Amino acid sequence: MKKIIVLLTIIIVAAIIFKSKHIAVDEAVVEGVKESPAESTPVISEQEEPQESNIEEKQEIAEKDPSEILTVKVDGLADGKLIDPKYAYCVGKEDGTGENLRPAIFWNGMPNGTKSFAVIVVDTDVPTDFVDANKKGKIIPASQPRQDFIHFALINIPTDIKLIEEGAGKGIDKTQPSIGNAGINDYAYFMPNANKPEHVGWDGPCPPWNDEKVHNYHFKVYALKVKKLDLQEDYSAKEAYQSIKENAIEAAEIVGVYTRNK
């Protein structure tokens, strides 16, 4: 009889201990659920949120009519490649020895709102200091600060025109484009005693022959929001460039390189 009572006592105590442990475990699980974020609902940081502006830009590009995308080509020139010396104002170490042909420039596309086109050709690598230019025994280092030099400016080109034909010559008798209004390029303001009318329109590359840096020439076509730029007839290329940038809808360019330093 005593053995039976002892056995029952052991069974009852074991049951009580098991029940208390089970309750403690359940409470811990419930508490953990309260304190921990739900795994099925991850927190998205601000950096991971979609950028609406980028999405809109991509959609705009994707939806753009191909006929509105402005592109430009220059006859005989591949982007980033050498400009044919026949288009240069200077060849070798002698100044003024190039044929100075104006290359044919043509473009495609007309962005929405275009009222006219304009063309600029600018050398972005002209030295700011010409003290040692074209002097034997001297070198213009590639590290010297550089400035823009505009070789050609043509404005007020009608929207039905997409081509500037090749031109020829130097000085007052050079062939001028049959459309638009050509400006006075930077040779007129750079060369001593220059005659401005002789530098209307195109005058090609003529970097110093002792310049270490290969020059980059940007052939740019701009779609403008105005039919005509408000400039005087004898406008400078620099004036045109500023006005063009203020009225531009879109631009396209091709870059050629040129050097006289062998």
Protein backbone atom coordinates (compact mmCIF):
# COMPACT_ATOMS: atom_id res chain seq x y z
CA MET A 1 0.00 0.00 0.00
CA LYS A 2 2.81 2.40 0.89
CA LYS A 3 4.51 1.64 -2.38
CA ILE A 4 1.38 2.55 -4.31
CA ILE A 5 1.02 5.85 -2.45
CA VAL A 6 4.68 6.74 -3.14
CA LEU A 7 4.28 5.90 -6.84
CA LEU A 8 1.15 8.05 -7.17
CA THR A 9 2.94 10.93 -5.42
CA ILE A 10 5.85 10.73 -7.89
CA ILE A 11 3.46 10.73 -10.87
CA ILE A 12 1.53 13.77 -9.55
CA VAL A 13 4.76 15.78 -8.92
CA ALA A 14 6.12 14.95 -12.38
CA ALA A 15 2.90 16.11 -14.00
CA ILE A 16 2.99 19.41 -12.13
CA ILE A 17 6.65 20.05 -13.15
CA PHE A 18 5.93 19.23 -16.84
CA LYS A 19 2.92 21.55 -16.94
CA SER A 20 4.84 24.48 -15.38
CA LYS A 21 7.69 24.12 -17.90
CA HIS A 22 5.27 23.98 -20.83
CA ILE A 23 3.56 27.21 -19.70
CA ALA A 24 6.94 28.98 -19.34
CA VAL A 25 7.96 27.93 -22.83
CA ASP A 26 4.67 29.16 -24.31
CA GLU A 27 5.01 32.54 -22.60
CA ALA A 28 8.57 32.95 -23.92
CA VAL A 29 7.43 32.16 -27.45
CA VAL A 30 4.58 34.68 -27.20
CA GLU A 31 6.92 37.32 -25.80
CA GLY A 32 9.43 36.70 -28.59
CA VAL A 33 6.75 37.16 -31.20
CA LYS A 34 5.78 40.48 -29.65
CA GLU A 35 9.35 41.78 -29.56
CA SER A 36 10.57 40.53 -32.97
CA PRO A 37 9.44 41.99 -36.33
CA ALA A 38 7.48 39.64 -38.51
CA GLU A 39 9.76 37.87 -40.97
CA SER A 40 7.12 38.03 -43.67
CA THR A 41 7.12 41.85 -43.56
CA PRO A 42 10.70 43.07 -44.21
CA VAL A 43 11.50 46.71 -43.56
CA ILE A 44 12.45 48.61 -46.75
CA SER A 45 14.97 51.40 -46.24
CA GLU A 46 14.70 54.70 -48.07
CA GLN A 47 17.57 53.74 -50.36
CA GLU A 48 15.70 50.66 -51.53
CA GLU A 49 12.58 52.56 -52.44
CA PRO A 50 12.04 53.02 -56.19
CA GLN A 51 13.29 56.35 -57.53
CA GLU A 52 10.29 57.81 -59.31
CA SER A 53 12.31 60.46 -61.20
CA ASN A 54 14.67 57.81 -62.69
CA ILE A 55 11.73 55.67 -63.73
CA GLU A 56 10.06 58.65 -65.40
CA GLU A 57 13.28 59.53 -67.28
CA LYS A 58 13.65 55.96 -68.57
CA GLN A 59 10.01 55.87 -69.62
CA GLU A 60 10.39 59.20 -71.42
CA ILE A 61 13.42 57.93 -73.36
CA ALA A 62 11.71 54.64 -74.19
CA GLU A 63 8.57 56.40 -75.38
CA LYS A 64 10.42 59.07 -77.41
CA ASP A 65 9.76 59.01 -81.13
CA PRO A 66 12.99 58.07 -82.97
CA SER A 67 12.37 61.00 -85.33
CA GLU A 68 12.79 63.37 -82.37
CA ILE A 69 16.25 62.09 -81.38
CA LEU A 70 18.93 64.46 -82.70
CA THR A 71 22.06 62.91 -84.25
CA VAL A 72 24.93 64.43 -86.24
CA LYS A 73 27.56 63.23 -88.70
CA VAL A 74 30.52 64.92 -90.37
CA ASP A 75 31.65 63.75 -93.79
CA GLY A 76 34.85 61.74 -93.55
CA LEU A 77 35.02 61.83 -89.75
CA ALA A 78 34.46 59.01 -87.27
CA ASP A 79 33.85 59.98 -83.66
CA GLY A 80 37.12 60.37 -81.77
CA LYS A 81 39.26 59.98 -84.90
CA LEU A 82 41.70 62.28 -86.71
CA ILE A 83 40.34 65.15 -88.78
CA ASP A 84 41.52 65.03 -92.39
CA PRO A 85 44.25 67.70 -92.87
CA LYS A 86 42.39 69.02 -95.92
CA TYR A 87 39.91 70.56 -93.47
CA ALA A 88 42.68 72.27 -91.46
CA TYR A 89 43.82 75.87 -91.61
CA CYS A 90 47.40 74.81 -90.83
CA VAL A 91 49.38 71.68 -91.71
CA GLY A 92 52.80 70.78 -90.35
CA LYS A 93 54.94 73.55 -88.86
CA GLU A 94 53.89 76.22 -91.34
CA ASP A 95 50.95 78.50 -90.56
CA GLY A 96 48.18 78.94 -93.09
CA THR A 97 49.22 76.03 -95.32
CA GLY A 98 46.03 73.95 -95.11
CA GLU A 99 43.29 73.79 -97.73
CA ASN A 100 40.78 74.94 -95.10
CA LEU A 101 37.87 73.06 -96.65
CA ARG A 102 34.68 73.19 -94.61
CA PRO A 103 33.48 69.61 -94.08
CA ALA A 104 29.91 68.68 -94.91
CA ILE A 105 27.83 68.43 -91.72
CA PHE A 106 24.47 66.70 -91.68
CA TRP A 107 22.02 65.68 -88.99
CA ASN A 108 18.78 63.81 -88.37
CA GLY A 109 15.93 64.13 -85.90
CA MET A 110 13.91 67.09 -84.70
CA PRO A 111 13.05 67.27 -81.00
CA ASN A 112 9.55 68.40 -80.14
CA GLY A 113 9.31 72.22 -80.13
CA THR A 114 12.25 72.84 -82.48
CA LYS A 115 11.93 76.16 -84.33
CA SER A 116 15.44 76.31 -85.85
CA PHE A 117 18.87 74.67 -85.83
CA ALA A 118 22.35 76.03 -85.12
CA VAL A 119 25.83 74.59 -85.62
CA ILE A 120 28.96 75.27 -83.59
CA VAL A 121 32.47 73.85 -84.02
CA VAL A 122 34.67 74.45 -80.98
CA ASP A 123 38.20 73.43 -80.01
CA THR A 124 38.16 72.93 -76.23
CA ASP A 125 41.95 72.53 -75.88
CA VAL A 126 43.46 75.85 -76.93
CA PRO A 127 46.25 77.00 -74.58
CA THR A 128 45.55 80.01 -72.40
CA ASP A 129 49.19 81.12 -72.72
CA PHE A 130 50.75 81.50 -76.19
CA VAL A 131 54.13 82.93 -75.16
CA ASP A 132 55.91 79.73 -76.25
CA ALA A 133 53.59 78.83 -79.13
CA ASN A 134 55.32 77.70 -82.33
CA LYS A 135 58.81 78.49 -80.99
CA LYS A 136 61.76 76.18 -81.58
CA GLY A 137 63.14 74.67 -78.42
CA LYS A 138 59.91 75.39 -76.53
CA ILE A 139 57.05 73.10 -75.60
CA ILE A 140 53.50 73.84 -74.52
CA PRO A 141 52.88 71.21 -71.82
CA ALA A 142 49.67 69.20 -71.87
CA SER A 143 49.08 70.33 -68.28
CA GLN A 144 48.67 74.00 -69.27
CA PRO A 145 45.14 75.37 -68.67
CA ARG A 146 42.92 75.36 -71.77
CA GLN A 147 40.13 77.47 -73.25
CA ASP A 148 37.44 77.27 -75.94
CA PHE A 149 38.16 78.49 -79.46
CA ILE A 150 35.22 78.59 -81.88
CA HIS A 151 36.02 77.75 -85.49
CA PHE A 152 32.53 77.97 -86.93
CA ALA A 153 29.09 79.27 -86.00
CA LEU A 154 25.94 79.09 -88.11
CA ILE A 155 22.54 80.13 -86.74
CA ASN A 156 18.92 80.56 -87.87
CA ILE A 157 18.90 77.36 -89.91
CA PRO A 158 15.31 76.47 -90.98
CA THR A 159 13.89 73.21 -89.65
CA ASP A 160 13.57 71.72 -93.15
CA ILE A 161 17.36 71.92 -93.61
CA LYS A 162 19.54 69.06 -92.33
CA LEU A 163 22.78 69.62 -94.27
CA ILE A 164 25.62 72.11 -94.58
CA GLU A 165 27.51 71.45 -97.78
CA GLU A 166 31.29 71.29 -98.06
CA GLY A 167 32.86 74.69 -98.62
CA ALA A 168 36.26 75.90 -99.77
CA GLY A 169 38.74 78.74 -99.56
CA LYS A 170 40.14 81.25 -97.11
CA GLY A 171 39.61 84.91 -96.45
CA ILE A 172 36.89 87.06 -97.93
CA ASP A 173 36.34 84.77 -100.95
CA LYS A 174 35.67 81.54 -99.07
CA THR A 175 32.49 79.63 -99.87
CA GLN A 176 29.77 80.41 -97.33
CA PRO A 177 26.82 78.15 -96.51
CA SER A 178 23.74 78.82 -98.59
CA ILE A 179 21.49 78.72 -95.51
CA GLY A 180 21.45 80.38 -92.10
CA ASN A 181 23.72 83.19 -90.92
CA ALA A 182 27.44 82.57 -90.40
CA GLY A 183 29.27 84.37 -87.58
CA ILE A 184 32.79 85.74 -87.15
CA ASN A 185 34.98 82.97 -85.75
CA ASP A 186 37.63 83.39 -83.06
CA TYR A 187 40.55 83.84 -85.46
CA ALA A 188 39.33 87.40 -85.98
CA TYR A 189 39.85 88.17 -82.29
CA PHE A 190 42.91 86.02 -81.75
CA MET A 191 45.22 86.83 -84.64
CA PRO A 192 47.01 90.21 -84.59
CA ASN A 193 45.65 92.73 -87.11
CA ALA A 194 43.02 90.28 -88.32
CA ASN A 195 40.39 91.47 -90.78
CA LYS A 196 37.04 90.38 -89.32
CA PRO A 197 35.20 89.84 -92.65
CA GLU A 198 37.89 87.33 -93.65
CA HIS A 199 36.99 85.14 -90.71
CA VAL A 200 33.26 84.84 -91.22
CA GLY A 201 32.26 81.20 -91.39
CA TRP A 202 34.64 78.24 -91.26
CA ASP A 203 38.34 78.39 -90.49
CA GLY A 204 39.77 74.99 -89.61
CA PRO A 205 42.20 73.63 -87.02
CA CYS A 206 45.57 75.30 -86.46
CA PRO A 207 46.90 74.23 -83.05
CA PRO A 208 50.50 75.18 -82.13
CA TRP A 209 52.89 72.63 -83.62
CA ASN A 210 54.77 72.39 -80.31
CA ASP A 211 51.69 71.66 -78.20
CA GLU A 212 51.94 68.31 -76.39
CA LYS A 213 48.17 67.99 -76.15
CA VAL A 214 46.07 66.59 -79.00
CA HIS A 215 43.15 68.98 -79.55
CA ASN A 216 39.50 67.92 -79.51
CA TYR A 217 37.12 69.56 -81.98
CA HIS A 218 33.43 69.32 -81.11
CA PHE A 219 31.03 69.50 -84.06
CA LYS A 220 27.73 70.38 -82.38
CA VAL A 221 24.21 70.68 -83.77
CA TYR A 222 21.58 72.35 -81.58
CA ALA A 223 17.80 72.23 -81.81
CA LEU A 224 16.53 75.64 -80.67
CA LYS A 225 13.19 76.77 -79.26
CA VAL A 226 13.30 80.04 -81.23
CA LYS A 227 13.05 80.62 -84.97
CA LYS A 228 15.72 83.32 -84.95
CA LEU A 229 18.41 84.35 -82.45
CA ASP A 230 18.41 88.04 -81.63
CA LEU A 231 21.95 88.86 -82.80
CA GLN A 232 23.35 91.53 -85.07
CA GLU A 233 24.34 90.59 -88.61
CA ASP A 234 28.08 90.76 -87.84
CA TYR A 235 27.80 88.68 -84.69
CA SER A 236 30.76 86.89 -83.12
CA ALA A 237 30.83 83.14 -82.72
CA LYS A 238 31.18 83.56 -78.95
CA GLU A 239 27.99 85.66 -78.82
CA ALA A 240 26.21 83.00 -80.83
CA TYR A 241 27.46 80.18 -78.62
CA GLN A 242 26.09 81.85 -75.51
CA SER A 243 22.72 82.59 -77.09
CA ILE A 244 22.50 79.08 -78.52
CA LYS A 245 23.01 77.46 -75.12
CA GLU A 246 20.33 79.72 -73.61
CA ASN A 247 17.77 78.62 -76.23
CA ALA A 248 18.71 74.98 -76.75
CA ILE A 249 16.20 72.16 -76.51
CA GLU A 250 18.69 69.43 -77.32
CA ALA A 251 22.19 69.02 -78.77
CA ALA A 252 24.15 66.30 -80.55
CA GLU A 253 27.87 66.21 -81.29
CA ILE A 254 30.69 64.29 -82.89
CA VAL A 255 34.30 64.89 -81.85
CA GLY A 256 37.36 64.88 -84.09
CA VAL A 257 41.00 65.26 -83.05
CA TYR A 258 43.90 67.11 -84.65
CA THR A 259 47.53 67.89 -83.90
CA ARG A 260 50.55 69.36 -85.70
CA ASN A 261 52.97 67.89 -83.18
CA LYS A 262 54.54 64.83 -84.82
